[in-house]
Amino acid sequence: MGSRVPPGNQYRVRARECMEAADGINEPGHRIILLELAQRWLMLADQIDKIEARRQPMGDPLLDTPEPDQSTH
């Protein structure tokens, strides 16, 4: 079975492709569009990373000792 590339990394590859394409374009308007697209890909990558982090298991609630509640101090 092959390794799966996380979606956040796939989006970063797309962003890099847009930035590389922008480097080869002389027309300022087209260059700006590609750089804005790259920025959106990076924003999506960050969002998906946050979503994936929330999906990760936080430990075993039966084995892990809870940290004391410090909100009462």
PDB file of N, CA and C in Angstrom:
ATOM      1  N   MET A   1       0.846  -1.173   0.000  1.00  0.00           N
ATOM      2  CA  MET A   1       0.000   0.000   0.000  1.00  0.00           C
ATOM      3  C   MET A   1       0.895   1.240   0.000  1.00  0.00           C
ATOM      4  N   GLY A   2       0.626   2.248  -0.860  1.00  0.00           N
ATOM      5  CA  GLY A   2       1.425   3.466  -0.940  1.00  0.00           C
ATOM      6  C   GLY A   2       1.090   4.424   0.181  1.00  0.00           C
ATOM      7  N   SER A   3       2.003   5.339   0.422  1.00  0.00           N
ATOM      8  CA  SER A   3       1.753   6.318   1.473  1.00  0.00           C
ATOM      9  C   SER A   3       0.827   7.408   0.944  1.00  0.00           C
ATOM     10  N   ARG A   4      -0.025   7.880   1.810  1.00  0.00           N
ATOM     11  CA  ARG A   4      -1.003   8.894   1.451  1.00  0.00           C
ATOM     12  C   ARG A   4      -0.461  10.266   1.846  1.00  0.00           C
ATOM     13  N   VAL A   5      -0.495  11.214   0.929  1.00  0.00           N
ATOM     14  CA  VAL A   5      -0.032  12.566   1.220  1.00  0.00           C
ATOM     15  C   VAL A   5      -1.177  13.311   1.891  1.00  0.00           C
ATOM     16  N   PRO A   6      -0.926  13.897   3.059  1.00  0.00           N
ATOM     17  CA  PRO A   6      -1.995  14.629   3.747  1.00  0.00           C
ATOM     18  C   PRO A   6      -2.501  15.785   2.884  1.00  0.00           C
ATOM     19  N   PRO A   7      -3.809  16.081   2.969  1.00  0.00           N
ATOM     20  CA  PRO A   7      -4.376  17.151   2.143  1.00  0.00           C
ATOM     21  C   PRO A   7      -3.663  18.492   2.323  1.00  0.00           C
ATOM     22  N   GLY A   8      -3.264  18.825   3.541  1.00  0.00           N
ATOM     23  CA  GLY A   8      -2.562  20.086   3.762  1.00  0.00           C
ATOM     24  C   GLY A   8      -1.299  20.172   2.928  1.00  0.00           C
ATOM     25  N   ASN A   9      -0.577  19.078   2.842  1.00  0.00           N
ATOM     26  CA  ASN A   9       0.652  19.062   2.038  1.00  0.00           C
ATOM     27  C   ASN A   9       0.338  19.148   0.547  1.00  0.00           C
ATOM     28  N   GLN A  10      -0.758  18.516   0.126  1.00  0.00           N
ATOM     29  CA  GLN A  10      -1.169  18.614  -1.278  1.00  0.00           C
ATOM     30  C   GLN A  10      -1.472  20.063  -1.628  1.00  0.00           C
ATOM     31  N   TYR A  11      -2.132  20.779  -0.728  1.00  0.00           N
ATOM     32  CA  TYR A  11      -2.466  22.180  -0.970  1.00  0.00           C
ATOM     33  C   TYR A  11      -1.200  23.036  -1.015  1.00  0.00           C
ATOM     34  N   ARG A  12      -0.219  22.705  -0.197  1.00  0.00           N
ATOM     35  CA  ARG A  12       1.044  23.446  -0.226  1.00  0.00           C
ATOM     36  C   ARG A  12       1.791  23.231  -1.545  1.00  0.00           C
ATOM     37  N   VAL A  13       1.686  22.027  -2.091  1.00  0.00           N
ATOM     38  CA  VAL A  13       2.296  21.751  -3.402  1.00  0.00           C
ATOM     39  C   VAL A  13       1.620  22.620  -4.464  1.00  0.00           C
ATOM     40  N   ARG A  14       0.299  22.714  -4.399  1.00  0.00           N
ATOM     41  CA  ARG A  14      -0.430  23.564  -5.354  1.00  0.00           C
ATOM     42  C   ARG A  14       0.007  25.024  -5.222  1.00  0.00           C
ATOM     43  N   ALA A  15       0.171  25.481  -3.981  1.00  0.00           N
ATOM     44  CA  ALA A  15       0.605  26.862  -3.752  1.00  0.00           C
ATOM     45  C   ALA A  15       1.985  27.093  -4.352  1.00  0.00           C
ATOM     46  N   ARG A  16       2.879  26.148  -4.141  1.00  0.00           N
ATOM     47  CA  ARG A  16       4.228  26.270  -4.691  1.00  0.00           C
ATOM     48  C   ARG A  16       4.182  26.310  -6.222  1.00  0.00           C
ATOM     49  N   GLU A  17       3.311  25.500  -6.832  1.00  0.00           N
ATOM     50  CA  GLU A  17       3.172  25.511  -8.290  1.00  0.00           C
ATOM     51  C   GLU A  17       2.710  26.885  -8.775  1.00  0.00           C
ATOM     52  N   CYS A  18       1.771  27.491  -8.056  1.00  0.00           N
ATOM     53  CA  CYS A  18       1.298  28.827  -8.432  1.00  0.00           C
ATOM     54  C   CYS A  18       2.413  29.858  -8.307  1.00  0.00           C
ATOM     55  N   MET A  19       3.201  29.764  -7.239  1.00  0.00           N
ATOM     56  CA  MET A  19       4.295  30.718  -7.048  1.00  0.00           C
ATOM     57  C   MET A  19       5.367  30.550  -8.120  1.00  0.00           C
ATOM     58  N   GLU A  20       5.659  29.305  -8.466  1.00  0.00           N
ATOM     59  CA  GLU A  20       6.644  29.058  -9.515  1.00  0.00           C
ATOM     60  C   GLU A  20       6.146  29.575 -10.863  1.00  0.00           C
ATOM     61  N   ALA A  21       4.860  29.393 -11.128  1.00  0.00           N
ATOM     62  CA  ALA A  21       4.287  29.902 -12.378  1.00  0.00           C
ATOM     63  C   ALA A  21       4.335  31.423 -12.397  1.00  0.00           C
ATOM     64  N   ALA A  22       4.070  32.046 -11.248  1.00  0.00           N
ATOM     65  CA  ALA A  22       4.099  33.511 -11.163  1.00  0.00           C
ATOM     66  C   ALA A  22       5.498  34.044 -11.431  1.00  0.00           C
ATOM     67  N   ASP A  23       6.505  33.300 -11.020  1.00  0.00           N
ATOM     68  CA  ASP A  23       7.894  33.731 -11.262  1.00  0.00           C
ATOM     69  C   ASP A  23       8.213  33.819 -12.746  1.00  0.00           C
ATOM     70  N   GLY A  24       7.523  33.037 -13.557  1.00  0.00           N
ATOM     71  CA  GLY A  24       7.810  33.018 -14.986  1.00  0.00           C
ATOM     72  C   GLY A  24       6.924  33.932 -15.812  1.00  0.00           C
ATOM     73  N   ILE A  25       6.093  34.734 -15.149  1.00  0.00           N
ATOM     74  CA  ILE A  25       5.156  35.597 -15.874  1.00  0.00           C
ATOM     75  C   ILE A  25       5.565  37.054 -15.720  1.00  0.00           C
ATOM     76  N   ASN A  26       5.574  37.770 -16.835  1.00  0.00           N
ATOM     77  CA  ASN A  26       5.935  39.187 -16.813  1.00  0.00           C
ATOM     78  C   ASN A  26       4.728  40.098 -16.630  1.00  0.00           C
ATOM     79  N   GLU A  27       3.551  39.656 -17.019  1.00  0.00           N
ATOM     80  CA  GLU A  27       2.331  40.461 -16.917  1.00  0.00           C
ATOM     81  C   GLU A  27       1.950  40.605 -15.442  1.00  0.00           C
ATOM     82  N   PRO A  28       2.015  41.826 -14.894  1.00  0.00           N
ATOM     83  CA  PRO A  28       1.751  42.029 -13.458  1.00  0.00           C
ATOM     84  C   PRO A  28       0.377  41.539 -13.002  1.00  0.00           C
ATOM     85  N   GLY A  29      -0.646  41.749 -13.807  1.00  0.00           N
ATOM     86  CA  GLY A  29      -1.997  41.322 -13.412  1.00  0.00           C
ATOM     87  C   GLY A  29      -2.104  39.812 -13.261  1.00  0.00           C
ATOM     88  N   HIS A  30      -1.528  39.087 -14.202  1.00  0.00           N
ATOM     89  CA  HIS A  30      -1.567  37.626 -14.137  1.00  0.00           C
ATOM     90  C   HIS A  30      -0.713  37.112 -12.971  1.00  0.00           C
ATOM     91  N   ARG A  31       0.387  37.778 -12.770  1.00  0.00           N
ATOM     92  CA  ARG A  31       1.268  37.390 -11.659  1.00  0.00           C
ATOM     93  C   ARG A  31       0.554  37.550 -10.311  1.00  0.00           C
ATOM     94  N   ILE A  32      -0.148  38.674 -10.149  1.00  0.00           N
ATOM     95  CA  ILE A  32      -0.891  38.906  -8.904  1.00  0.00           C
ATOM     96  C   ILE A  32      -1.955  37.837  -8.693  1.00  0.00           C
ATOM     97  N   ILE A  33      -2.656  37.496  -9.766  1.00  0.00           N
ATOM     98  CA  ILE A  33      -3.704  36.467  -9.655  1.00  0.00           C
ATOM     99  C   ILE A  33      -3.102  35.147  -9.185  1.00  0.00           C
ATOM    100  N   LEU A  34      -1.975  34.748  -9.750  1.00  0.00           N
ATOM    101  CA  LEU A  34      -1.335  33.492  -9.338  1.00  0.00           C
ATOM    102  C   LEU A  34      -0.854  33.554  -7.895  1.00  0.00           C
ATOM    103  N   LEU A  35      -0.318  34.692  -7.481  1.00  0.00           N
ATOM    104  CA  LEU A  35       0.145  34.811  -6.090  1.00  0.00           C
ATOM    105  C   LEU A  35      -1.027  34.810  -5.110  1.00  0.00           C
ATOM    106  N   GLU A  36      -2.142  35.414  -5.501  1.00  0.00           N
ATOM    107  CA  GLU A  36      -3.336  35.364  -4.650  1.00  0.00           C
ATOM    108  C   GLU A  36      -3.875  33.941  -4.555  1.00  0.00           C
ATOM    109  N   LEU A  37      -3.840  33.236  -5.673  1.00  0.00           N
ATOM    110  CA  LEU A  37      -4.269  31.838  -5.666  1.00  0.00           C
ATOM    111  C   LEU A  37      -3.366  31.001  -4.756  1.00  0.00           C
ATOM    112  N   ALA A  38      -2.071  31.246  -4.817  1.00  0.00           N
ATOM    113  CA  ALA A  38      -1.139  30.540  -3.940  1.00  0.00           C
ATOM    114  C   ALA A  38      -1.463  30.827  -2.479  1.00  0.00           C
ATOM    115  N   GLN A  39      -1.768  32.073  -2.180  1.00  0.00           N
ATOM    116  CA  GLN A  39      -2.114  32.438  -0.801  1.00  0.00           C
ATOM    117  C   GLN A  39      -3.366  31.689  -0.339  1.00  0.00           C
ATOM    118  N   ARG A  40      -4.331  31.552  -1.217  1.00  0.00           N
ATOM    119  CA  ARG A  40      -5.562  30.817  -0.849  1.00  0.00           C
ATOM    120  C   ARG A  40      -5.275  29.336  -0.613  1.00  0.00           C
ATOM    121  N   TRP A  41      -4.416  28.757  -1.449  1.00  0.00           N
ATOM    122  CA  TRP A  41      -4.030  27.352  -1.231  1.00  0.00           C
ATOM    123  C   TRP A  41      -3.376  27.192   0.145  1.00  0.00           C
ATOM    124  N   LEU A  42      -2.518  28.141   0.511  1.00  0.00           N
ATOM    125  CA  LEU A  42      -1.850  28.061   1.819  1.00  0.00           C
ATOM    126  C   LEU A  42      -2.848  28.233   2.964  1.00  0.00           C
ATOM    127  N   MET A  43      -3.825  29.104   2.781  1.00  0.00           N
ATOM    128  CA  MET A  43      -4.851  29.272   3.816  1.00  0.00           C
ATOM    129  C   MET A  43      -5.654  27.988   3.983  1.00  0.00           C
ATOM    130  N   LEU A  44      -5.995  27.346   2.872  1.00  0.00           N
ATOM    131  CA  LEU A  44      -6.701  26.063   2.937  1.00  0.00           C
ATOM    132  C   LEU A  44      -5.852  25.009   3.634  1.00  0.00           C
ATOM    133  N   ALA A  45      -4.564  24.992   3.336  1.00  0.00           N
ATOM    134  CA  ALA A  45      -3.664  24.024   3.970  1.00  0.00           C
ATOM    135  C   ALA A  45      -3.663  24.219   5.482  1.00  0.00           C
ATOM    136  N   ASP A  46      -3.588  25.462   5.937  1.00  0.00           N
ATOM    137  CA  ASP A  46      -3.609  25.730   7.382  1.00  0.00           C
ATOM    138  C   ASP A  46      -4.929  25.304   8.007  1.00  0.00           C
ATOM    139  N   GLN A  47      -6.029  25.577   7.316  1.00  0.00           N
ATOM    140  CA  GLN A  47      -7.339  25.196   7.852  1.00  0.00           C
ATOM    141  C   GLN A  47      -7.472  23.682   7.956  1.00  0.00           C
ATOM    142  N   ILE A  48      -7.045  22.973   6.926  1.00  0.00           N
ATOM    143  CA  ILE A  48      -7.165  21.514   6.959  1.00  0.00           C
ATOM    144  C   ILE A  48      -6.257  20.920   8.027  1.00  0.00           C
ATOM    145  N   ASP A  49      -5.085  21.529   8.248  1.00  0.00           N
ATOM    146  CA  ASP A  49      -4.198  21.053   9.313  1.00  0.00           C
ATOM    147  C   ASP A  49      -4.871  21.200  10.679  1.00  0.00           C
ATOM    148  N   LYS A  50      -5.565  22.309  10.891  1.00  0.00           N
ATOM    149  CA  LYS A  50      -6.264  22.519  12.163  1.00  0.00           C
ATOM    150  C   LYS A  50      -7.388  21.508  12.344  1.00  0.00           C
ATOM    151  N   ILE A  51      -8.114  21.237  11.270  1.00  0.00           N
ATOM    152  CA  ILE A  51      -9.197  20.245  11.337  1.00  0.00           C
ATOM    153  C   ILE A  51      -8.631  18.864  11.646  1.00  0.00           C
ATOM    154  N   GLU A  52      -7.564  18.502  10.956  1.00  0.00           N
ATOM    155  CA  GLU A  52      -6.945  17.193  11.179  1.00  0.00           C
ATOM    156  C   GLU A  52      -6.403  17.079  12.606  1.00  0.00           C
ATOM    157  N   ALA A  53      -5.859  18.157  13.142  1.00  0.00           N
ATOM    158  CA  ALA A  53      -5.322  18.124  14.504  1.00  0.00           C
ATOM    159  C   ALA A  53      -6.435  17.868  15.513  1.00  0.00           C
ATOM    160  N   ARG A  54      -7.613  18.415  15.258  1.00  0.00           N
ATOM    161  CA  ARG A  54      -8.743  18.186  16.174  1.00  0.00           C
ATOM    162  C   ARG A  54      -9.240  16.751  16.112  1.00  0.00           C
ATOM    163  N   ARG A  55      -9.006  16.079  14.996  1.00  0.00           N
ATOM    164  CA  ARG A  55      -9.456  14.691  14.840  1.00  0.00           C
ATOM    165  C   ARG A  55      -8.527  13.688  15.525  1.00  0.00           C
ATOM    166  N   GLN A  56      -7.321  14.128  15.853  1.00  0.00           N
ATOM    167  CA  GLN A  56      -6.346  13.221  16.455  1.00  0.00           C
ATOM    168  C   GLN A  56      -6.807  12.825  17.854  1.00  0.00           C
ATOM    169  N   PRO A  57      -6.570  11.587  18.234  1.00  0.00           N
ATOM    170  CA  PRO A  57      -6.945  11.169  19.589  1.00  0.00           C
ATOM    171  C   PRO A  57      -6.171  11.969  20.630  1.00  0.00           C
ATOM    172  N   MET A  58      -6.831  12.273  21.696  1.00  0.00           N
ATOM    173  CA  MET A  58      -6.240  13.085  22.748  1.00  0.00           C
ATOM    174  C   MET A  58      -5.670  12.233  23.885  1.00  0.00           C
ATOM    175  N   GLY A  59      -5.599  10.943  23.708  1.00  0.00           N
ATOM    176  CA  GLY A  59      -5.111  10.073  24.767  1.00  0.00           C
ATOM    177  C   GLY A  59      -6.221   9.147  25.236  1.00  0.00           C
ATOM    178  N   ASP A  60      -5.926   8.342  26.220  1.00  0.00           N
ATOM    179  CA  ASP A  60      -6.898   7.401  26.769  1.00  0.00           C
ATOM    180  C   ASP A  60      -7.503   8.001  28.024  1.00  0.00           C
ATOM    181  N   PRO A  61      -8.796   8.315  28.025  1.00  0.00           N
ATOM    182  CA  PRO A  61      -9.406   8.942  29.195  1.00  0.00           C
ATOM    183  C   PRO A  61      -9.407   8.047  30.430  1.00  0.00           C
ATOM    184  N   LEU A  62      -9.262   6.742  30.244  1.00  0.00           N
ATOM    185  CA  LEU A  62      -9.247   5.846  31.401  1.00  0.00           C
ATOM    186  C   LEU A  62      -7.856   5.734  32.011  1.00  0.00           C
ATOM    187  N   LEU A  63      -6.826   5.957  31.211  1.00  0.00           N
ATOM    188  CA  LEU A  63      -5.464   5.791  31.699  1.00  0.00           C
ATOM    189  C   LEU A  63      -4.773   7.118  32.007  1.00  0.00           C
ATOM    190  N   ASP A  64      -5.120   8.166  31.306  1.00  0.00           N
ATOM    191  CA  ASP A  64      -4.483   9.459  31.513  1.00  0.00           C
ATOM    192  C   ASP A  64      -5.109  10.164  32.710  1.00  0.00           C
ATOM    193  N   THR A  65      -4.262  10.729  33.550  1.00  0.00           N
ATOM    194  CA  THR A  65      -4.783  11.465  34.697  1.00  0.00           C
ATOM    195  C   THR A  65      -5.126  12.883  34.260  1.00  0.00           C
ATOM    196  N   PRO A  66      -6.280  13.370  34.679  1.00  0.00           N
ATOM    197  CA  PRO A  66      -6.654  14.726  34.280  1.00  0.00           C
ATOM    198  C   PRO A  66      -5.783  15.764  34.982  1.00  0.00           C
ATOM    199  N   GLU A  67      -5.558  16.862  34.291  1.00  0.00           N
ATOM    200  CA  GLU A  67      -4.811  17.957  34.896  1.00  0.00           C
ATOM    201  C   GLU A  67      -5.754  18.704  35.827  1.00  0.00           C
ATOM    202  N   PRO A  68      -5.225  19.222  36.937  1.00  0.00           N
ATOM    203  CA  PRO A  68      -6.092  19.935  37.874  1.00  0.00           C
ATOM    204  C   PRO A  68      -6.688  21.171  37.212  1.00  0.00           C
ATOM    205  N   ASP A  69      -7.935  21.445  37.571  1.00  0.00           N
ATOM    206  CA  ASP A  69      -8.616  22.617  37.053  1.00  0.00           C
ATOM    207  C   ASP A  69      -8.068  23.852  37.739  1.00  0.00           C
ATOM    208  N   GLN A  70      -7.423  24.719  36.963  1.00  0.00           N
ATOM    209  CA  GLN A  70      -6.811  25.902  37.539  1.00  0.00           C
ATOM    210  C   GLN A  70      -7.675  27.136  37.361  1.00  0.00           C
ATOM    211  N   SER A  71      -8.899  26.953  36.870  1.00  0.00           N
ATOM    212  CA  SER A  71      -9.753  28.104  36.658  1.00  0.00           C
ATOM    213  C   SER A  71     -10.331  28.638  37.972  1.00  0.00           C
ATOM    214  N   THR A  72     -10.221  27.886  39.082  1.00  0.00           N
ATOM    215  CA  THR A  72     -10.777  28.322  40.354  1.00  0.00           C
ATOM    216  C   THR A  72      -9.784  29.137  41.154  1.00  0.00           C
ATOM    217  N   HIS A  73      -8.533  29.236  40.697  1.00  0.00           N
ATOM    218  CA  HIS A  73      -7.515  29.976  41.457  1.00  0.00           C
ATOM    219  C   HIS A  73      -7.435  31.397  41.045  1.00  0.00           C
TER     220      HIS A  73
END
